[in-house]
């Protein structure tokens, strides 16, 4: 029994020491995947900070943005023009969501807003299928999907580009939240809708801005994931992988979304490569959820979340 445990626990670390270049490749792959997880999670953080509601439709927004972009490319638009039109579509969608879904539900219970996002999820999924069809679509944005050597490690060019773009977007959003007037107003709205309204913060405008930014983030996430695996309706399930990221980092923290994505991205890659063969593989599919469950038991508010104290 001791020999088995030693093989399971010590064996992978022995492999790491014997082949550090390969370990570096695994870690880099995890970091790049983690940045994409963080990017998707940021869409949730944006809307949760503004309304206190978990946006169930964020995953399908990623899908809808990718479907719109690839649909426009198939109809002959240049890549740059297709990006501009897709951005306009997502901003217009934000206006419609604010006017039709959110405005009638101001000051309602959070569960009502959450149920509204579930309905929005199914509407966008059906609407996207009606507009662009249900077939898997190849998305080519001009970034080659090939590997090259860097410091003795093999790195995929598409994954590297996706990770760098995601990191830039994440950094911009972090500055947006902390340094801009709209970012401060957004935090005020998140703390108390009625108090924010009483000091002149336009709730409707904030919601439009937040959903617009979440839509633009969805474009980038949809393009990166779609370029890797094709644009298909299973792309909306990426939201399920972002949920553990939020649990680790905290639902209201931009820094938490970044760190949570990196922890899960690197952890699942290392687990799959070094421990996967010992347990039959597929660790990458469930690692994030087991880690999130452990955090819920020990620190349910996440790494950067504020502990809620209720006095009775």
Protein backbone atom coordinates (compact mmCIF):
# COMPACT_ATOMS: atom_id res chain seq x y z
CA UNK A 1 0.00 0.00 0.00
CA UNK A 2 2.82 2.39 0.89
CA UNK A 3 4.55 1.60 -2.40
CA UNK A 4 1.36 2.43 -4.32
CA UNK A 5 0.94 5.75 -2.52
CA UNK A 6 4.57 6.60 -3.07
CA UNK A 7 4.21 5.85 -6.77
CA UNK A 8 1.12 8.07 -7.03
CA UNK A 9 2.47 11.00 -5.01
CA UNK A 10 6.22 10.96 -5.61
CA UNK A 11 6.31 9.51 -9.12
CA UNK A 12 5.00 12.61 -10.95
CA UNK A 13 7.47 14.89 -9.14
CA UNK A 14 10.30 12.57 -10.17
CA UNK A 15 9.10 12.91 -13.79
CA UNK A 16 9.08 16.70 -13.44
CA UNK A 17 12.68 16.72 -12.24
CA UNK A 18 13.84 14.43 -15.02
CA UNK A 19 12.25 16.48 -17.81
CA UNK A 20 11.87 20.14 -16.78
CA UNK A 21 11.38 21.35 -20.38
CA UNK A 22 8.29 19.19 -20.79
CA UNK A 23 6.99 20.39 -17.42
CA UNK A 24 7.48 23.97 -18.66
CA UNK A 25 5.39 23.17 -21.74
CA UNK A 26 2.61 21.81 -19.55
CA UNK A 27 2.66 24.89 -17.29
CA UNK A 28 2.65 27.29 -20.25
CA UNK A 29 -0.29 25.43 -21.78
CA UNK A 30 -2.11 25.69 -18.46
CA UNK A 31 -1.40 29.42 -18.14
CA UNK A 32 -2.70 30.09 -21.65
CA UNK A 33 -5.85 28.03 -21.05
CA UNK A 34 -6.27 29.71 -17.67
CA UNK A 35 -6.22 33.18 -19.25
CA UNK A 36 -9.08 32.13 -21.51
CA UNK A 37 -11.01 30.81 -18.50
CA UNK A 38 -10.37 34.14 -16.78
CA UNK A 39 -11.66 36.02 -19.80
CA UNK A 40 -14.95 34.09 -19.78
CA UNK A 41 -15.23 34.48 -15.99
CA UNK A 42 -14.79 38.25 -16.30
CA UNK A 43 -18.04 38.44 -18.24
CA UNK A 44 -19.78 36.96 -15.21
CA UNK A 45 -17.92 39.29 -12.82
CA UNK A 46 -18.93 42.38 -14.79
CA UNK A 47 -22.64 41.64 -14.63
CA UNK A 48 -22.57 40.27 -11.09
CA UNK A 49 -20.87 43.46 -9.85
CA UNK A 50 -23.52 45.62 -11.52
CA UNK A 51 -26.63 43.65 -10.57
CA UNK A 52 -25.68 41.05 -7.98
CA UNK A 53 -27.02 38.37 -10.32
CA UNK A 54 -25.23 35.39 -11.84
CA UNK A 55 -25.74 35.76 -15.61
CA UNK A 56 -26.66 32.27 -16.76
CA UNK A 57 -26.61 33.52 -20.37
CA UNK A 58 -22.90 34.48 -20.46
CA UNK A 59 -21.88 31.19 -22.04
CA UNK A 60 -24.42 31.49 -24.83
CA UNK A 61 -23.34 35.11 -25.36
CA UNK A 62 -19.88 33.74 -26.16
CA UNK A 63 -21.50 31.32 -28.60
CA UNK A 64 -23.73 33.99 -30.16
CA UNK A 65 -20.79 36.35 -30.68
CA UNK A 66 -18.72 33.61 -32.33
CA UNK A 67 -21.65 32.51 -34.52
CA UNK A 68 -22.25 36.09 -35.66
CA UNK A 69 -18.59 36.64 -36.50
CA UNK A 70 -18.16 33.41 -38.44
CA UNK A 71 -21.50 33.95 -40.18
CA UNK A 72 -20.38 37.37 -41.40
CA UNK A 73 -17.03 35.94 -42.54
CA UNK A 74 -18.84 33.24 -44.52
CA UNK A 75 -20.82 35.96 -46.28
CA UNK A 76 -17.65 37.61 -47.54
CA UNK A 77 -16.92 40.37 -45.03
CA UNK A 78 -13.24 41.03 -44.28
CA UNK A 79 -12.08 40.04 -40.80
CA UNK A 80 -11.81 43.64 -39.53
CA UNK A 81 -15.26 44.59 -40.83
CA UNK A 82 -16.76 41.40 -39.38
CA UNK A 83 -15.30 42.25 -35.95
CA UNK A 84 -16.76 45.78 -36.10
CA UNK A 85 -20.21 44.55 -37.12
CA UNK A 86 -20.16 41.81 -34.47
CA UNK A 87 -19.21 44.38 -31.81
CA UNK A 88 -22.11 46.56 -32.96
CA UNK A 89 -24.47 43.58 -32.75
CA UNK A 90 -23.37 42.77 -29.18
CA UNK A 91 -23.74 46.40 -28.09
CA UNK A 92 -27.20 46.54 -29.68
CA UNK A 93 -28.03 43.32 -27.86
CA UNK A 94 -27.01 44.99 -24.58
CA UNK A 95 -29.45 47.85 -25.24
CA UNK A 96 -32.27 45.40 -25.99
CA UNK A 97 -31.53 43.33 -22.86
CA UNK A 98 -31.54 46.45 -20.68
CA UNK A 99 -34.78 47.77 -22.17
CA UNK A 100 -36.76 44.53 -22.46
CA UNK A 101 -35.39 42.30 -19.68
CA UNK A 102 -33.67 44.37 -16.98
CA UNK A 103 -35.59 47.65 -16.82
CA UNK A 104 -38.93 46.05 -15.86
CA UNK A 105 -37.17 44.07 -13.12
CA UNK A 106 -35.35 46.89 -11.29
CA UNK A 107 -35.39 46.31 -7.50
CA UNK A 108 -36.86 42.83 -7.89
CA UNK A 109 -35.43 39.85 -6.02
CA UNK A 110 -32.15 38.49 -7.41
CA UNK A 111 -33.72 35.11 -8.09
CA UNK A 112 -36.15 36.79 -10.52
CA UNK A 113 -33.27 38.38 -12.45
CA UNK A 114 -31.44 35.06 -12.44
CA UNK A 115 -34.49 33.31 -13.92
CA UNK A 116 -34.65 36.06 -16.56
CA UNK A 117 -31.06 35.28 -17.61
CA UNK A 118 -32.00 31.59 -17.93
CA UNK A 119 -34.79 32.57 -20.33
CA UNK A 120 -32.34 34.83 -22.18
CA UNK A 121 -29.94 31.90 -22.48
CA UNK A 122 -32.45 29.71 -24.30
CA UNK A 123 -33.68 32.59 -26.47
CA UNK A 124 -30.19 33.50 -27.69
CA UNK A 125 -29.34 29.86 -28.34
CA UNK A 126 -32.45 29.38 -30.48
CA UNK A 127 -32.10 32.77 -32.16
CA UNK A 128 -28.47 32.06 -33.06
CA UNK A 129 -29.40 28.68 -34.52
CA UNK A 130 -32.20 30.28 -36.56
CA UNK A 131 -29.87 32.96 -37.96
CA UNK A 132 -26.68 30.99 -38.59
CA UNK A 133 -27.60 27.30 -38.52
CA UNK A 134 -26.54 24.51 -36.17
CA UNK A 135 -23.57 23.04 -38.08
CA UNK A 136 -20.03 23.19 -36.72
CA UNK A 137 -18.24 26.12 -38.35
CA UNK A 138 -14.52 26.59 -38.84
CA UNK A 139 -13.25 29.96 -37.68
CA UNK A 140 -10.04 31.30 -39.21
CA UNK A 141 -8.88 34.71 -38.01
CA UNK A 142 -5.43 34.51 -39.56
CA UNK A 143 -3.52 33.04 -36.59
CA UNK A 144 -1.83 29.78 -37.62
CA UNK A 145 -2.44 26.74 -35.43
CA UNK A 146 1.14 25.47 -35.34
CA UNK A 147 3.86 24.99 -32.76
CA UNK A 148 7.33 26.50 -32.46
CA UNK A 149 10.26 26.13 -30.07
CA UNK A 150 10.81 28.77 -27.38
CA UNK A 151 13.56 28.38 -24.76
CA UNK A 152 13.68 24.66 -25.46
CA UNK A 153 9.91 24.26 -25.06
CA UNK A 154 7.26 23.61 -27.68
CA UNK A 155 4.55 26.30 -27.71
CA UNK A 156 1.43 26.47 -29.86
CA UNK A 157 1.20 29.79 -31.70
CA UNK A 158 -2.61 29.95 -31.60
CA UNK A 159 -2.72 29.24 -27.87
CA UNK A 160 0.05 31.78 -27.20
CA UNK A 161 -1.76 34.47 -29.20
CA UNK A 162 -5.04 33.69 -27.44
CA UNK A 163 -3.38 33.85 -24.03
CA UNK A 164 -1.65 37.16 -24.77
CA UNK A 165 -4.85 38.73 -26.12
CA UNK A 166 -6.80 37.49 -23.11
CA UNK A 167 -4.16 38.90 -20.75
CA UNK A 168 -4.33 42.32 -22.46
CA UNK A 169 -8.14 42.40 -22.24
CA UNK A 170 -8.04 41.34 -18.60
CA UNK A 171 -5.50 44.10 -17.79
CA UNK A 172 -7.61 46.73 -19.55
CA UNK A 173 -10.73 45.67 -17.65
CA UNK A 174 -8.85 45.72 -14.34
CA UNK A 175 -7.79 49.32 -14.98
CA UNK A 176 -11.32 50.16 -16.16
CA UNK A 177 -12.81 48.94 -12.87
CA UNK A 178 -10.31 50.61 -10.57
CA UNK A 179 -9.45 53.91 -12.28
CA UNK A 180 -12.42 55.13 -14.31
CA UNK A 181 -15.52 56.99 -13.21
CA UNK A 182 -17.77 54.35 -14.73
CA UNK A 183 -15.88 51.63 -12.88
CA UNK A 184 -16.43 53.39 -9.55
CA UNK A 185 -20.09 53.93 -10.37
CA UNK A 186 -20.38 50.25 -11.20
CA UNK A 187 -19.05 49.30 -7.78
CA UNK A 188 -21.53 51.66 -6.15
CA UNK A 189 -24.41 50.09 -8.06
CA UNK A 190 -23.23 46.65 -6.99
CA UNK A 191 -23.29 47.68 -3.31
CA UNK A 192 -26.79 49.19 -3.31
CA UNK A 193 -29.04 49.95 -6.30
CA UNK A 194 -31.31 52.37 -4.43
CA UNK A 195 -28.45 54.27 -2.79
CA UNK A 196 -26.69 54.60 -6.17
CA UNK A 197 -29.87 55.98 -7.73
CA UNK A 198 -30.30 58.44 -4.85
CA UNK A 199 -26.90 60.07 -5.56
CA UNK A 200 -27.54 60.39 -9.28
CA UNK A 201 -25.84 57.29 -10.71
CA UNK A 202 -27.90 56.26 -13.79
CA UNK A 203 -28.61 52.58 -13.20
CA UNK A 204 -29.94 52.02 -16.73
CA UNK A 205 -26.82 53.49 -18.32
CA UNK A 206 -24.53 51.43 -16.08
CA UNK A 207 -26.36 48.24 -17.03
CA UNK A 208 -26.08 49.02 -20.74
CA UNK A 209 -22.34 49.72 -20.37
CA UNK A 210 -21.76 46.54 -18.36
CA UNK A 211 -23.68 44.27 -20.73
CA UNK A 212 -21.95 45.92 -23.71
CA UNK A 213 -18.51 45.27 -22.22
CA UNK A 214 -19.55 41.71 -21.34
CA UNK A 215 -20.65 41.28 -24.96
CA UNK A 216 -17.30 42.55 -26.26
CA UNK A 217 -15.49 40.18 -23.88
CA UNK A 218 -17.72 37.40 -25.22
CA UNK A 219 -16.52 38.19 -28.77
CA UNK A 220 -12.88 37.75 -27.82
CA UNK A 221 -13.60 34.57 -25.83
CA UNK A 222 -15.75 33.16 -28.62
CA UNK A 223 -13.11 33.87 -31.26
CA UNK A 224 -10.30 32.29 -29.24
CA UNK A 225 -12.23 29.17 -28.30
CA UNK A 226 -13.87 28.94 -31.74
CA UNK A 227 -10.50 29.15 -33.49
CA UNK A 228 -9.25 26.25 -31.34
CA UNK A 229 -12.19 23.85 -31.57
CA UNK A 230 -14.60 25.26 -34.14
CA UNK A 231 -17.76 27.26 -33.53
CA UNK A 232 -20.38 24.80 -32.30
CA UNK A 233 -23.24 24.90 -29.82
CA UNK A 234 -21.23 23.05 -27.19
CA UNK A 235 -19.17 26.26 -26.98
CA UNK A 236 -21.84 27.67 -24.66
CA UNK A 237 -20.81 25.05 -22.08
CA UNK A 238 -17.58 27.00 -21.51
CA UNK A 239 -19.65 28.87 -18.92
CA UNK A 240 -19.63 25.72 -16.79
CA UNK A 241 -15.83 25.81 -16.63
CA UNK A 242 -15.92 29.50 -15.68
CA UNK A 243 -18.10 28.75 -12.65
CA UNK A 244 -15.29 27.04 -10.67
CA UNK A 245 -13.05 30.00 -11.56
CA UNK A 246 -15.57 32.33 -9.92
CA UNK A 247 -15.89 30.10 -6.87
CA UNK A 248 -12.12 30.14 -6.40
CA UNK A 249 -11.61 33.85 -6.98
CA UNK A 250 -14.86 35.37 -5.74
CA UNK A 251 -17.86 36.50 -7.76
CA UNK A 252 -17.07 40.22 -7.47
CA UNK A 253 -13.30 40.21 -7.94
CA UNK A 254 -11.47 40.91 -11.20
CA UNK A 255 -8.19 39.81 -9.59
CA UNK A 256 -9.95 36.69 -8.34
CA UNK A 257 -11.14 35.81 -11.83
CA UNK A 258 -7.56 36.11 -13.11
CA UNK A 259 -5.96 34.09 -10.32
CA UNK A 260 -8.76 31.51 -10.28
CA UNK A 261 -8.43 30.95 -14.02
CA UNK A 262 -4.67 30.48 -13.75
CA UNK A 263 -4.97 28.04 -10.84
CA UNK A 264 -7.51 25.91 -12.66
CA UNK A 265 -5.76 26.12 -16.03
CA UNK A 266 -2.36 25.07 -14.67
CA UNK A 267 -3.78 22.59 -12.17
CA UNK A 268 -5.88 20.66 -14.65
CA UNK A 269 -3.02 20.43 -17.18
CA UNK A 270 -0.55 19.16 -14.59
CA UNK A 271 -3.14 16.75 -13.20
CA UNK A 272 -4.02 15.39 -16.63
CA UNK A 273 -0.42 14.88 -17.74
CA UNK A 274 1.17 13.58 -14.54
CA UNK A 275 -1.66 11.96 -12.59
CA UNK A 276 -4.05 11.15 -15.44
CA UNK A 277 -2.30 7.93 -16.54
CA UNK A 278 -2.45 6.63 -12.96
CA UNK A 279 -6.25 6.97 -12.68
CA UNK A 280 -7.30 6.29 -16.25
CA UNK A 281 -7.18 9.86 -17.56
CA UNK A 282 -9.92 12.52 -17.92
CA UNK A 283 -8.71 14.48 -14.87
CA UNK A 284 -8.96 17.66 -16.97
CA UNK A 285 -12.74 17.22 -17.18
CA UNK A 286 -13.43 17.18 -13.44
CA UNK A 287 -10.41 18.76 -11.73
CA UNK A 288 -11.92 22.28 -11.69
CA UNK A 289 -15.17 21.14 -10.07
CA UNK A 290 -13.47 19.07 -7.36
CA UNK A 291 -11.20 22.02 -6.53
CA UNK A 292 -14.22 24.35 -6.42
CA UNK A 293 -16.02 21.94 -4.08
CA UNK A 294 -13.02 21.95 -1.75
CA UNK A 295 -13.06 25.77 -1.72
CA UNK A 296 -16.78 25.81 -0.94
CA UNK A 297 -16.11 23.67 2.11
CA UNK A 298 -13.16 25.75 3.36
CA UNK A 299 -13.62 29.29 2.00
CA UNK A 300 -17.02 29.63 0.28
CA UNK A 301 -16.54 33.35 -0.49
CA UNK A 302 -13.44 32.62 -2.62
CA UNK A 303 -9.91 33.95 -2.37
CA UNK A 304 -10.84 37.61 -2.86
CA UNK A 305 -14.49 37.55 -1.80
CA UNK A 306 -15.67 39.33 1.33
CA UNK A 307 -16.87 37.15 4.16
CA UNK A 308 -20.58 37.69 4.76
CA UNK A 309 -21.49 38.11 8.41
CA UNK A 310 -25.20 38.04 9.25
CA UNK A 311 -26.36 39.30 12.61
CA UNK A 312 -29.62 37.99 14.01
